[in-house]
Amino acid sequence: MNTPVVLVLTTLPDSEAASTLAMQAIDARLAACVTELGTVKSLYRWKGKVEAAEELQLLFKTSLARSDELTRFIEANHPYETPEIVSWQADASAAYGQWITAETQRPLNV
């Protein structure tokens, strides 16, 4: 039986910003895994002008329960004024989906 998970894609200006955002999301248990997909070249219109930029793509893997919080976290901690945040639900294998769910649970305060 497959487990639903959420994938969130964003781009960042450089390796330092990407590493910082990824580590913060992992530390906060908002994502179980963040994969750096590598450098991409983006071409876009921004404030009436066509721009080109080299960016790093990150793919966050999270649970359904934490996906909205992860999106808000990325928005609040991203260096761009209007960050790319694209998310979609996917089916993961049972074991991988269970691992994502376990890694994104809030720690219990005992």
PDB file of N, CA and C in Angstrom:
ATOM      1  N   MET A   1       0.841  -1.182   0.000  1.00  0.00           N
ATOM      2  CA  MET A   1       0.000   0.000   0.000  1.00  0.00           C
ATOM      3  C   MET A   1       0.884   1.243   0.000  1.00  0.00           C
ATOM      4  N   ASN A   2       0.646   2.146  -0.924  1.00  0.00           N
ATOM      5  CA  ASN A   2       1.420   3.388  -0.999  1.00  0.00           C
ATOM      6  C   ASN A   2       0.977   4.388   0.054  1.00  0.00           C
ATOM      7  N   THR A   3       1.867   5.314   0.374  1.00  0.00           N
ATOM      8  CA  THR A   3       1.614   6.341   1.374  1.00  0.00           C
ATOM      9  C   THR A   3       1.679   7.704   0.694  1.00  0.00           C
ATOM     10  N   PRO A   4       0.694   8.575   0.927  1.00  0.00           N
ATOM     11  CA  PRO A   4       0.776   9.911   0.332  1.00  0.00           C
ATOM     12  C   PRO A   4       1.838  10.759   1.023  1.00  0.00           C
ATOM     13  N   VAL A   5       2.604  11.480   0.225  1.00  0.00           N
ATOM     14  CA  VAL A   5       3.608  12.425   0.709  1.00  0.00           C
ATOM     15  C   VAL A   5       3.448  13.701  -0.116  1.00  0.00           C
ATOM     16  N   VAL A   6       4.126  14.755   0.305  1.00  0.00           N
ATOM     17  CA  VAL A   6       4.098  16.006  -0.436  1.00  0.00           C
ATOM     18  C   VAL A   6       5.522  16.377  -0.831  1.00  0.00           C
ATOM     19  N   LEU A   7       5.686  16.778  -2.077  1.00  0.00           N
ATOM     20  CA  LEU A   7       6.959  17.246  -2.607  1.00  0.00           C
ATOM     21  C   LEU A   7       6.845  18.749  -2.808  1.00  0.00           C
ATOM     22  N   VAL A   8       7.869  19.488  -2.378  1.00  0.00           N
ATOM     23  CA  VAL A   8       7.870  20.943  -2.507  1.00  0.00           C
ATOM     24  C   VAL A   8       9.164  21.352  -3.205  1.00  0.00           C
ATOM     25  N   LEU A   9       9.015  22.090  -4.292  1.00  0.00           N
ATOM     26  CA  LEU A   9      10.153  22.518  -5.104  1.00  0.00           C
ATOM     27  C   LEU A   9      10.357  24.018  -4.929  1.00  0.00           C
ATOM     28  N   THR A  10      11.617  24.427  -4.778  1.00  0.00           N
ATOM     29  CA  THR A  10      11.951  25.852  -4.745  1.00  0.00           C
ATOM     30  C   THR A  10      13.321  26.040  -5.376  1.00  0.00           C
ATOM     31  N   THR A  11      13.633  27.286  -5.711  1.00  0.00           N
ATOM     32  CA  THR A  11      14.956  27.627  -6.227  1.00  0.00           C
ATOM     33  C   THR A  11      15.574  28.672  -5.313  1.00  0.00           C
ATOM     34  N   LEU A  12      16.891  28.627  -5.203  1.00  0.00           N
ATOM     35  CA  LEU A  12      17.631  29.568  -4.358  1.00  0.00           C
ATOM     36  C   LEU A  12      18.805  30.136  -5.137  1.00  0.00           C
ATOM     37  N   PRO A  13      19.314  31.291  -4.688  1.00  0.00           N
ATOM     38  CA  PRO A  13      20.342  31.964  -5.477  1.00  0.00           C
ATOM     39  C   PRO A  13      21.722  31.313  -5.433  1.00  0.00           C
ATOM     40  N   ASP A  14      22.027  30.570  -4.365  1.00  0.00           N
ATOM     41  CA  ASP A  14      23.374  29.999  -4.259  1.00  0.00           C
ATOM     42  C   ASP A  14      23.380  28.826  -3.284  1.00  0.00           C
ATOM     43  N   SER A  15      24.520  28.160  -3.229  1.00  0.00           N
ATOM     44  CA  SER A  15      24.677  26.963  -2.410  1.00  0.00           C
ATOM     45  C   SER A  15      24.516  27.255  -0.923  1.00  0.00           C
ATOM     46  N   GLU A  16      25.023  28.384  -0.458  1.00  0.00           N
ATOM     47  CA  GLU A  16      24.924  28.719   0.964  1.00  0.00           C
ATOM     48  C   GLU A  16      23.462  28.897   1.377  1.00  0.00           C
ATOM     49  N   ALA A  17      22.689  29.635   0.601  1.00  0.00           N
ATOM     50  CA  ALA A  17      21.271  29.841   0.914  1.00  0.00           C
ATOM     51  C   ALA A  17      20.511  28.528   0.859  1.00  0.00           C
ATOM     52  N   ALA A  18      20.845  27.685  -0.121  1.00  0.00           N
ATOM     53  CA  ALA A  18      20.174  26.386  -0.266  1.00  0.00           C
ATOM     54  C   ALA A  18      20.483  25.485   0.930  1.00  0.00           C
ATOM     55  N   SER A  19      21.751  25.419   1.314  1.00  0.00           N
ATOM     56  CA  SER A  19      22.139  24.575   2.442  1.00  0.00           C
ATOM     57  C   SER A  19      21.497  25.041   3.740  1.00  0.00           C
ATOM     58  N   THR A  20      21.457  26.347   3.943  1.00  0.00           N
ATOM     59  CA  THR A  20      20.868  26.900   5.166  1.00  0.00           C
ATOM     60  C   THR A  20      19.389  26.574   5.247  1.00  0.00           C
ATOM     61  N   LEU A  21      18.643  26.828   4.175  1.00  0.00           N
ATOM     62  CA  LEU A  21      17.204  26.566   4.179  1.00  0.00           C
ATOM     63  C   LEU A  21      16.917  25.077   4.357  1.00  0.00           C
ATOM     64  N   ALA A  22      17.680  24.237   3.675  1.00  0.00           N
ATOM     65  CA  ALA A  22      17.477  22.785   3.783  1.00  0.00           C
ATOM     66  C   ALA A  22      17.737  22.303   5.214  1.00  0.00           C
ATOM     67  N   MET A  23      18.833  22.737   5.807  1.00  0.00           N
ATOM     68  CA  MET A  23      19.174  22.297   7.160  1.00  0.00           C
ATOM     69  C   MET A  23      18.156  22.783   8.180  1.00  0.00           C
ATOM     70  N   GLN A  24      17.698  24.013   8.035  1.00  0.00           N
ATOM     71  CA  GLN A  24      16.687  24.540   8.948  1.00  0.00           C
ATOM     72  C   GLN A  24      15.391  23.734   8.867  1.00  0.00           C
ATOM     73  N   ALA A  25      14.992  23.354   7.668  1.00  0.00           N
ATOM     74  CA  ALA A  25      13.760  22.567   7.491  1.00  0.00           C
ATOM     75  C   ALA A  25      13.914  21.173   8.100  1.00  0.00           C
ATOM     76  N   ILE A  26      15.081  20.569   7.926  1.00  0.00           N
ATOM     77  CA  ILE A  26      15.340  19.253   8.516  1.00  0.00           C
ATOM     78  C   ILE A  26      15.359  19.367  10.045  1.00  0.00           C
ATOM     79  N   ASP A  27      16.073  20.366  10.558  1.00  0.00           N
ATOM     80  CA  ASP A  27      16.168  20.552  12.015  1.00  0.00           C
ATOM     81  C   ASP A  27      14.802  20.779  12.655  1.00  0.00           C
ATOM     82  N   ALA A  28      13.914  21.467  11.941  1.00  0.00           N
ATOM     83  CA  ALA A  28      12.570  21.743  12.461  1.00  0.00           C
ATOM     84  C   ALA A  28      11.600  20.584  12.207  1.00  0.00           C
ATOM     85  N   ARG A  29      12.091  19.529  11.593  1.00  0.00           N
ATOM     86  CA  ARG A  29      11.287  18.338  11.265  1.00  0.00           C
ATOM     87  C   ARG A  29      10.132  18.677  10.324  1.00  0.00           C
ATOM     88  N   LEU A  30      10.353  19.689   9.479  1.00  0.00           N
ATOM     89  CA  LEU A  30       9.357  20.051   8.475  1.00  0.00           C
ATOM     90  C   LEU A  30       9.533  19.239   7.201  1.00  0.00           C
ATOM     91  N   ALA A  31      10.710  18.675   7.026  1.00  0.00           N
ATOM     92  CA  ALA A  31      10.998  17.815   5.878  1.00  0.00           C
ATOM     93  C   ALA A  31      11.835  16.644   6.368  1.00  0.00           C
ATOM     94  N   ALA A  32      11.588  15.491   5.788  1.00  0.00           N
ATOM     95  CA  ALA A  32      12.383  14.307   6.123  1.00  0.00           C
ATOM     96  C   ALA A  32      13.671  14.287   5.309  1.00  0.00           C
ATOM     97  N   CYS A  33      13.603  14.858   4.121  1.00  0.00           N
ATOM     98  CA  CYS A  33      14.729  14.829   3.191  1.00  0.00           C
ATOM     99  C   CYS A  33      14.633  16.042   2.281  1.00  0.00           C
ATOM    100  N   VAL A  34      15.780  16.621   1.953  1.00  0.00           N
ATOM    101  CA  VAL A  34      15.835  17.694   0.969  1.00  0.00           C
ATOM    102  C   VAL A  34      16.901  17.309  -0.040  1.00  0.00           C
ATOM    103  N   THR A  35      16.517  17.230  -1.291  1.00  0.00           N
ATOM    104  CA  THR A  35      17.439  16.857  -2.354  1.00  0.00           C
ATOM    105  C   THR A  35      17.810  18.082  -3.166  1.00  0.00           C
ATOM    106  N   GLU A  36      19.119  18.333  -3.277  1.00  0.00           N
ATOM    107  CA  GLU A  36      19.589  19.407  -4.147  1.00  0.00           C
ATOM    108  C   GLU A  36      19.641  18.843  -5.558  1.00  0.00           C
ATOM    109  N   LEU A  37      18.801  19.397  -6.422  1.00  0.00           N
ATOM    110  CA  LEU A  37      18.696  18.892  -7.789  1.00  0.00           C
ATOM    111  C   LEU A  37      19.753  19.479  -8.709  1.00  0.00           C
ATOM    112  N   GLY A  38      20.463  20.476  -8.242  1.00  0.00           N
ATOM    113  CA  GLY A  38      21.545  21.043  -9.037  1.00  0.00           C
ATOM    114  C   GLY A  38      21.214  22.420  -9.574  1.00  0.00           C
ATOM    115  N   THR A  39      22.147  22.930 -10.359  1.00  0.00           N
ATOM    116  CA  THR A  39      22.029  24.265 -10.919  1.00  0.00           C
ATOM    117  C   THR A  39      21.108  24.243 -12.131  1.00  0.00           C
ATOM    118  N   VAL A  40      20.229  25.228 -12.176  1.00  0.00           N
ATOM    119  CA  VAL A  40      19.334  25.412 -13.322  1.00  0.00           C
ATOM    120  C   VAL A  40      19.464  26.856 -13.781  1.00  0.00           C
ATOM    121  N   LYS A  41      19.140  27.089 -15.015  1.00  0.00           N
ATOM    122  CA  LYS A  41      19.102  28.455 -15.530  1.00  0.00           C
ATOM    123  C   LYS A  41      17.640  28.839 -15.681  1.00  0.00           C
ATOM    124  N   SER A  42      17.255  29.918 -15.010  1.00  0.00           N
ATOM    125  CA  SER A  42      15.871  30.393 -15.054  1.00  0.00           C
ATOM    126  C   SER A  42      15.802  31.659 -15.894  1.00  0.00           C
ATOM    127  N   LEU A  43      14.798  31.725 -16.748  1.00  0.00           N
ATOM    128  CA  LEU A  43      14.522  32.892 -17.572  1.00  0.00           C
ATOM    129  C   LEU A  43      13.109  33.324 -17.233  1.00  0.00           C
ATOM    130  N   TYR A  44      12.931  34.576 -16.829  1.00  0.00           N
ATOM    131  CA  TYR A  44      11.630  35.021 -16.338  1.00  0.00           C
ATOM    132  C   TYR A  44      11.491  36.532 -16.486  1.00  0.00           C
ATOM    133  N   ARG A  45      10.246  37.004 -16.427  1.00  0.00           N
ATOM    134  CA  ARG A  45       9.979  38.437 -16.426  1.00  0.00           C
ATOM    135  C   ARG A  45       9.782  38.869 -14.978  1.00  0.00           C
ATOM    136  N   TRP A  46      10.525  39.899 -14.558  1.00  0.00           N
ATOM    137  CA  TRP A  46      10.420  40.409 -13.198  1.00  0.00           C
ATOM    138  C   TRP A  46      10.379  41.930 -13.246  1.00  0.00           C
ATOM    139  N   LYS A  47       9.287  42.487 -12.757  1.00  0.00           N
ATOM    140  CA  LYS A  47       9.085  43.931 -12.699  1.00  0.00           C
ATOM    141  C   LYS A  47       9.301  44.580 -14.061  1.00  0.00           C
ATOM    142  N   GLY A  48       8.715  43.939 -15.082  1.00  0.00           N
ATOM    143  CA  GLY A  48       8.721  44.495 -16.433  1.00  0.00           C
ATOM    144  C   GLY A  48       9.965  44.233 -17.246  1.00  0.00           C
ATOM    145  N   LYS A  49      10.908  43.505 -16.697  1.00  0.00           N
ATOM    146  CA  LYS A  49      12.176  43.259 -17.399  1.00  0.00           C
ATOM    147  C   LYS A  49      12.446  41.756 -17.449  1.00  0.00           C
ATOM    148  N   VAL A  50      12.938  41.263 -18.573  1.00  0.00           N
ATOM    149  CA  VAL A  50      13.300  39.855 -18.687  1.00  0.00           C
ATOM    150  C   VAL A  50      14.644  39.648 -18.001  1.00  0.00           C
ATOM    151  N   GLU A  51      14.679  38.675 -17.104  1.00  0.00           N
ATOM    152  CA  GLU A  51      15.870  38.362 -16.322  1.00  0.00           C
ATOM    153  C   GLU A  51      16.314  36.931 -16.606  1.00  0.00           C
ATOM    154  N   ALA A  52      17.576  36.672 -16.391  1.00  0.00           N
ATOM    155  CA  ALA A  52      18.125  35.316 -16.451  1.00  0.00           C
ATOM    156  C   ALA A  52      18.992  35.129 -15.209  1.00  0.00           C
ATOM    157  N   ALA A  53      18.865  33.953 -14.595  1.00  0.00           N
ATOM    158  CA  ALA A  53      19.646  33.701 -13.385  1.00  0.00           C
ATOM    159  C   ALA A  53      19.981  32.215 -13.278  1.00  0.00           C
ATOM    160  N   GLU A  54      21.157  31.948 -12.749  1.00  0.00           N
ATOM    161  CA  GLU A  54      21.497  30.579 -12.371  1.00  0.00           C
ATOM    162  C   GLU A  54      21.074  30.400 -10.928  1.00  0.00           C
ATOM    163  N   GLU A  55      20.357  29.323 -10.669  1.00  0.00           N
ATOM    164  CA  GLU A  55      19.829  29.060  -9.343  1.00  0.00           C
ATOM    165  C   GLU A  55      20.037  27.596  -9.006  1.00  0.00           C
ATOM    166  N   LEU A  56      19.874  27.271  -7.723  1.00  0.00           N
ATOM    167  CA  LEU A  56      19.897  25.878  -7.280  1.00  0.00           C
ATOM    168  C   LEU A  56      18.467  25.456  -6.961  1.00  0.00           C
ATOM    169  N   GLN A  57      18.080  24.287  -7.438  1.00  0.00           N
ATOM    170  CA  GLN A  57      16.761  23.750  -7.125  1.00  0.00           C
ATOM    171  C   GLN A  57      16.853  22.814  -5.934  1.00  0.00           C
ATOM    172  N   LEU A  58      15.883  22.951  -5.022  1.00  0.00           N
ATOM    173  CA  LEU A  58      15.755  22.034  -3.896  1.00  0.00           C
ATOM    174  C   LEU A  58      14.395  21.367  -3.967  1.00  0.00           C
ATOM    175  N   LEU A  59      14.368  20.073  -3.643  1.00  0.00           N
ATOM    176  CA  LEU A  59      13.137  19.304  -3.573  1.00  0.00           C
ATOM    177  C   LEU A  59      12.990  18.775  -2.149  1.00  0.00           C
ATOM    178  N   PHE A  60      11.980  19.288  -1.442  1.00  0.00           N
ATOM    179  CA  PHE A  60      11.691  18.887  -0.066  1.00  0.00           C
ATOM    180  C   PHE A  60      10.682  17.744  -0.087  1.00  0.00           C
ATOM    181  N   LYS A  61      10.889  16.740   0.767  1.00  0.00           N
ATOM    182  CA  LYS A  61       9.928  15.643   0.921  1.00  0.00           C
ATOM    183  C   LYS A  61       9.361  15.733   2.324  1.00  0.00           C
ATOM    184  N   THR A  62       8.030  15.835   2.421  1.00  0.00           N
ATOM    185  CA  THR A  62       7.386  15.994   3.705  1.00  0.00           C
ATOM    186  C   THR A  62       6.082  15.211   3.755  1.00  0.00           C
ATOM    187  N   SER A  63       5.483  15.199   4.935  1.00  0.00           N
ATOM    188  CA  SER A  63       4.209  14.510   5.130  1.00  0.00           C
ATOM    189  C   SER A  63       3.056  15.464   4.824  1.00  0.00           C
ATOM    190  N   LEU A  64       1.893  14.892   4.604  1.00  0.00           N
ATOM    191  CA  LEU A  64       0.697  15.710   4.404  1.00  0.00           C
ATOM    192  C   LEU A  64       0.474  16.632   5.598  1.00  0.00           C
ATOM    193  N   ALA A  65       0.707  16.114   6.783  1.00  0.00           N
ATOM    194  CA  ALA A  65       0.450  16.872   8.009  1.00  0.00           C
ATOM    195  C   ALA A  65       1.352  18.097   8.141  1.00  0.00           C
ATOM    196  N   ARG A  66       2.545  18.061   7.561  1.00  0.00           N
ATOM    197  CA  ARG A  66       3.505  19.165   7.737  1.00  0.00           C
ATOM    198  C   ARG A  66       3.666  20.042   6.495  1.00  0.00           C
ATOM    199  N   SER A  67       2.957  19.732   5.415  1.00  0.00           N
ATOM    200  CA  SER A  67       3.200  20.431   4.153  1.00  0.00           C
ATOM    201  C   SER A  67       2.854  21.918   4.205  1.00  0.00           C
ATOM    202  N   ASP A  68       1.736  22.286   4.811  1.00  0.00           N
ATOM    203  CA  ASP A  68       1.387  23.707   4.890  1.00  0.00           C
ATOM    204  C   ASP A  68       2.384  24.477   5.736  1.00  0.00           C
ATOM    205  N   GLU A  69       2.808  23.880   6.834  1.00  0.00           N
ATOM    206  CA  GLU A  69       3.794  24.530   7.702  1.00  0.00           C
ATOM    207  C   GLU A  69       5.142  24.685   6.985  1.00  0.00           C
ATOM    208  N   LEU A  70       5.523  23.681   6.209  1.00  0.00           N
ATOM    209  CA  LEU A  70       6.761  23.773   5.428  1.00  0.00           C
ATOM    210  C   LEU A  70       6.666  24.916   4.422  1.00  0.00           C
ATOM    211  N   THR A  71       5.546  25.040   3.740  1.00  0.00           N
ATOM    212  CA  THR A  71       5.367  26.118   2.769  1.00  0.00           C
ATOM    213  C   THR A  71       5.496  27.481   3.448  1.00  0.00           C
ATOM    214  N   ARG A  72       4.854  27.656   4.591  1.00  0.00           N
ATOM    215  CA  ARG A  72       4.951  28.924   5.327  1.00  0.00           C
ATOM    216  C   ARG A  72       6.393  29.182   5.773  1.00  0.00           C
ATOM    217  N   PHE A  73       7.084  28.123   6.195  1.00  0.00           N
ATOM    218  CA  PHE A  73       8.477  28.246   6.609  1.00  0.00           C
ATOM    219  C   PHE A  73       9.352  28.720   5.444  1.00  0.00           C
ATOM    220  N   ILE A  74       9.175  28.112   4.276  1.00  0.00           N
ATOM    221  CA  ILE A  74       9.965  28.511   3.100  1.00  0.00           C
ATOM    222  C   ILE A  74       9.683  29.972   2.762  1.00  0.00           C
ATOM    223  N   GLU A  75       8.411  30.352   2.742  1.00  0.00           N
ATOM    224  CA  GLU A  75       8.048  31.745   2.445  1.00  0.00           C
ATOM    225  C   GLU A  75       8.722  32.710   3.420  1.00  0.00           C
ATOM    226  N   ALA A  76       8.732  32.374   4.702  1.00  0.00           N
ATOM    227  CA  ALA A  76       9.273  33.264   5.729  1.00  0.00           C
ATOM    228  C   ALA A  76      10.801  33.326   5.739  1.00  0.00           C
ATOM    229  N   ASN A  77      11.473  32.270   5.275  1.00  0.00           N
ATOM    230  CA  ASN A  77      12.935  32.188   5.395  1.00  0.00           C
ATOM    231  C   ASN A  77      13.673  32.249   4.067  1.00  0.00           C
ATOM    232  N   HIS A  78      12.955  32.416   2.989  1.00  0.00           N
ATOM    233  CA  HIS A  78      13.553  32.445   1.659  1.00  0.00           C
ATOM    234  C   HIS A  78      14.130  33.825   1.372  1.00  0.00           C
ATOM    235  N   PRO A  79      15.290  33.911   0.726  1.00  0.00           N
ATOM    236  CA  PRO A  79      15.882  35.225   0.460  1.00  0.00           C
ATOM    237  C   PRO A  79      15.196  36.018  -0.653  1.00  0.00           C
ATOM    238  N   TYR A  80      14.364  35.380  -1.481  1.00  0.00           N
ATOM    239  CA  TYR A  80      13.703  36.087  -2.581  1.00  0.00           C
ATOM    240  C   TYR A  80      12.450  36.802  -2.099  1.00  0.00           C
ATOM    241  N   GLU A  81      12.147  37.901  -2.724  1.00  0.00           N
ATOM    242  CA  GLU A  81      10.915  38.642  -2.439  1.00  0.00           C
ATOM    243  C   GLU A  81       9.684  37.791  -2.773  1.00  0.00           C
ATOM    244  N   THR A  82       9.746  37.097  -3.906  1.00  0.00           N
ATOM    245  CA  THR A  82       8.653  36.216  -4.327  1.00  0.00           C
ATOM    246  C   THR A  82       9.252  34.861  -4.693  1.00  0.00           C
ATOM    247  N   PRO A  83       9.434  33.987  -3.709  1.00  0.00           N
ATOM    248  CA  PRO A  83      10.079  32.700  -3.997  1.00  0.00           C
ATOM    249  C   PRO A  83       9.174  31.758  -4.788  1.00  0.00           C
ATOM    250  N   GLU A  84       9.803  30.959  -5.619  1.00  0.00           N
ATOM    251  CA  GLU A  84       9.091  29.865  -6.282  1.00  0.00           C
ATOM    252  C   GLU A  84       8.822  28.790  -5.231  1.00  0.00           C
ATOM    253  N   ILE A  85       7.566  28.461  -5.034  1.00  0.00           N
ATOM    254  CA  ILE A  85       7.195  27.352  -4.165  1.00  0.00           C
ATOM    255  C   ILE A  85       6.102  26.590  -4.891  1.00  0.00           C
ATOM    256  N   VAL A  86       6.449  25.417  -5.363  1.00  0.00           N
ATOM    257  CA  VAL A  86       5.524  24.573  -6.108  1.00  0.00           C
ATOM    258  C   VAL A  86       5.433  23.250  -5.356  1.00  0.00           C
ATOM    259  N   SER A  87       4.210  22.825  -5.062  1.00  0.00           N
ATOM    260  CA  SER A  87       4.073  21.573  -4.322  1.00  0.00           C
ATOM    261  C   SER A  87       3.026  20.682  -4.971  1.00  0.00           C
ATOM    262  N   TRP A  88       3.198  19.393  -4.739  1.00  0.00           N
ATOM    263  CA  TRP A  88       2.229  18.419  -5.241  1.00  0.00           C
ATOM    264  C   TRP A  88       2.272  17.177  -4.367  1.00  0.00           C
ATOM    265  N   GLN A  89       1.141  16.513  -4.327  1.00  0.00           N
ATOM    266  CA  GLN A  89       1.045  15.268  -3.563  1.00  0.00           C
ATOM    267  C   GLN A  89       1.457  14.114  -4.462  1.00  0.00           C
ATOM    268  N   ALA A  90       2.166  13.168  -3.882  1.00  0.00           N
ATOM    269  CA  ALA A  90       2.631  11.997  -4.626  1.00  0.00           C
ATOM    270  C   ALA A  90       2.446  10.757  -3.760  1.00  0.00           C
ATOM    271  N   ASP A  91       2.467   9.616  -4.400  1.00  0.00           N
ATOM    272  CA  ASP A  91       2.417   8.338  -3.689  1.00  0.00           C
ATOM    273  C   ASP A  91       3.835   7.803  -3.545  1.00  0.00           C
ATOM    274  N   ALA A  92       4.211   7.525  -2.314  1.00  0.00           N
ATOM    275  CA  ALA A  92       5.521   6.936  -2.033  1.00  0.00           C
ATOM    276  C   ALA A  92       5.329   5.464  -1.687  1.00  0.00           C
ATOM    277  N   SER A  93       6.376   4.695  -1.828  1.00  0.00           N
ATOM    278  CA  SER A  93       6.306   3.314  -1.365  1.00  0.00           C
ATOM    279  C   SER A  93       5.964   3.333   0.117  1.00  0.00           C
ATOM    280  N   ALA A  94       5.372   2.271   0.598  1.00  0.00           N
ATOM    281  CA  ALA A  94       4.921   2.225   1.995  1.00  0.00           C
ATOM    282  C   ALA A  94       6.059   2.521   2.964  1.00  0.00           C
ATOM    283  N   ALA A  95       7.194   1.880   2.788  1.00  0.00           N
ATOM    284  CA  ALA A  95       8.305   2.063   3.723  1.00  0.00           C
ATOM    285  C   ALA A  95       8.854   3.491   3.675  1.00  0.00           C
ATOM    286  N   TYR A  96       9.021   4.032   2.482  1.00  0.00           N
ATOM    287  CA  TYR A  96       9.555   5.391   2.362  1.00  0.00           C
ATOM    288  C   TYR A  96       8.554   6.402   2.896  1.00  0.00           C
ATOM    289  N   GLY A  97       7.298   6.238   2.591  1.00  0.00           N
ATOM    290  CA  GLY A  97       6.263   7.137   3.098  1.00  0.00           C
ATOM    291  C   GLY A  97       6.170   7.105   4.609  1.00  0.00           C
ATOM    292  N   GLN A  98       6.296   5.918   5.190  1.00  0.00           N
ATOM    293  CA  GLN A  98       6.269   5.806   6.651  1.00  0.00           C
ATOM    294  C   GLN A  98       7.482   6.495   7.268  1.00  0.00           C
ATOM    295  N   TRP A  99       8.626   6.386   6.611  1.00  0.00           N
ATOM    296  CA  TRP A  99       9.830   7.054   7.103  1.00  0.00           C
ATOM    297  C   TRP A  99       9.635   8.571   7.070  1.00  0.00           C
ATOM    298  N   ILE A 100       9.089   9.114   5.978  1.00  0.00           N
ATOM    299  CA  ILE A 100       8.832  10.548   5.876  1.00  0.00           C
ATOM    300  C   ILE A 100       7.893  10.991   6.993  1.00  0.00           C
ATOM    301  N   THR A 101       6.831  10.235   7.219  1.00  0.00           N
ATOM    302  CA  THR A 101       5.877  10.565   8.277  1.00  0.00           C
ATOM    303  C   THR A 101       6.550  10.558   9.638  1.00  0.00           C
ATOM    304  N   ALA A 102       7.350   9.550   9.908  1.00  0.00           N
ATOM    305  CA  ALA A 102       8.035   9.453  11.204  1.00  0.00           C
ATOM    306  C   ALA A 102       9.024  10.602  11.406  1.00  0.00           C
ATOM    307  N   GLU A 103       9.762  10.960  10.363  1.00  0.00           N
ATOM    308  CA  GLU A 103      10.784  11.997  10.481  1.00  0.00           C
ATOM    309  C   GLU A 103      10.208  13.405  10.568  1.00  0.00           C
ATOM    310  N   THR A 104       8.954  13.574  10.208  1.00  0.00           N
ATOM    311  CA  THR A 104       8.354  14.907  10.249  1.00  0.00           C
ATOM    312  C   THR A 104       7.358  15.072  11.399  1.00  0.00           C
ATOM    313  N   GLN A 105       7.333  14.102  12.291  1.00  0.00           N
ATOM    314  CA  GLN A 105       6.470  14.240  13.466  1.00  0.00           C
ATOM    315  C   GLN A 105       7.143  15.170  14.473  1.00  0.00           C
ATOM    316  N   ARG A 106       6.320  15.937  15.143  1.00  0.00           N
ATOM    317  CA  ARG A 106       6.846  16.818  16.190  1.00  0.00           C
ATOM    318  C   ARG A 106       7.357  15.959  17.342  1.00  0.00           C
ATOM    319  N   PRO A 107       8.484  16.328  17.925  1.00  0.00           N
ATOM    320  CA  PRO A 107       8.963  15.566  19.083  1.00  0.00           C
ATOM    321  C   PRO A 107       8.016  15.730  20.263  1.00  0.00           C
ATOM    322  N   LEU A 108       7.863  14.678  21.020  1.00  0.00           N
ATOM    323  CA  LEU A 108       7.006  14.722  22.196  1.00  0.00           C
ATOM    324  C   LEU A 108       7.745  15.385  23.335  1.00  0.00           C
ATOM    325  N   ASN A 109       7.071  16.281  24.027  1.00  0.00           N
ATOM    326  CA  ASN A 109       7.644  16.898  25.227  1.00  0.00           C
ATOM    327  C   ASN A 109       7.160  16.122  26.434  1.00  0.00           C
ATOM    328  N   VAL A 110       8.068  15.365  27.028  1.00  0.00           N
ATOM    329  CA  VAL A 110       7.711  14.513  28.156  1.00  0.00           C
ATOM    330  C   VAL A 110       8.172  15.126  29.446  1.00  0.00           C
TER     331      VAL A 110
END
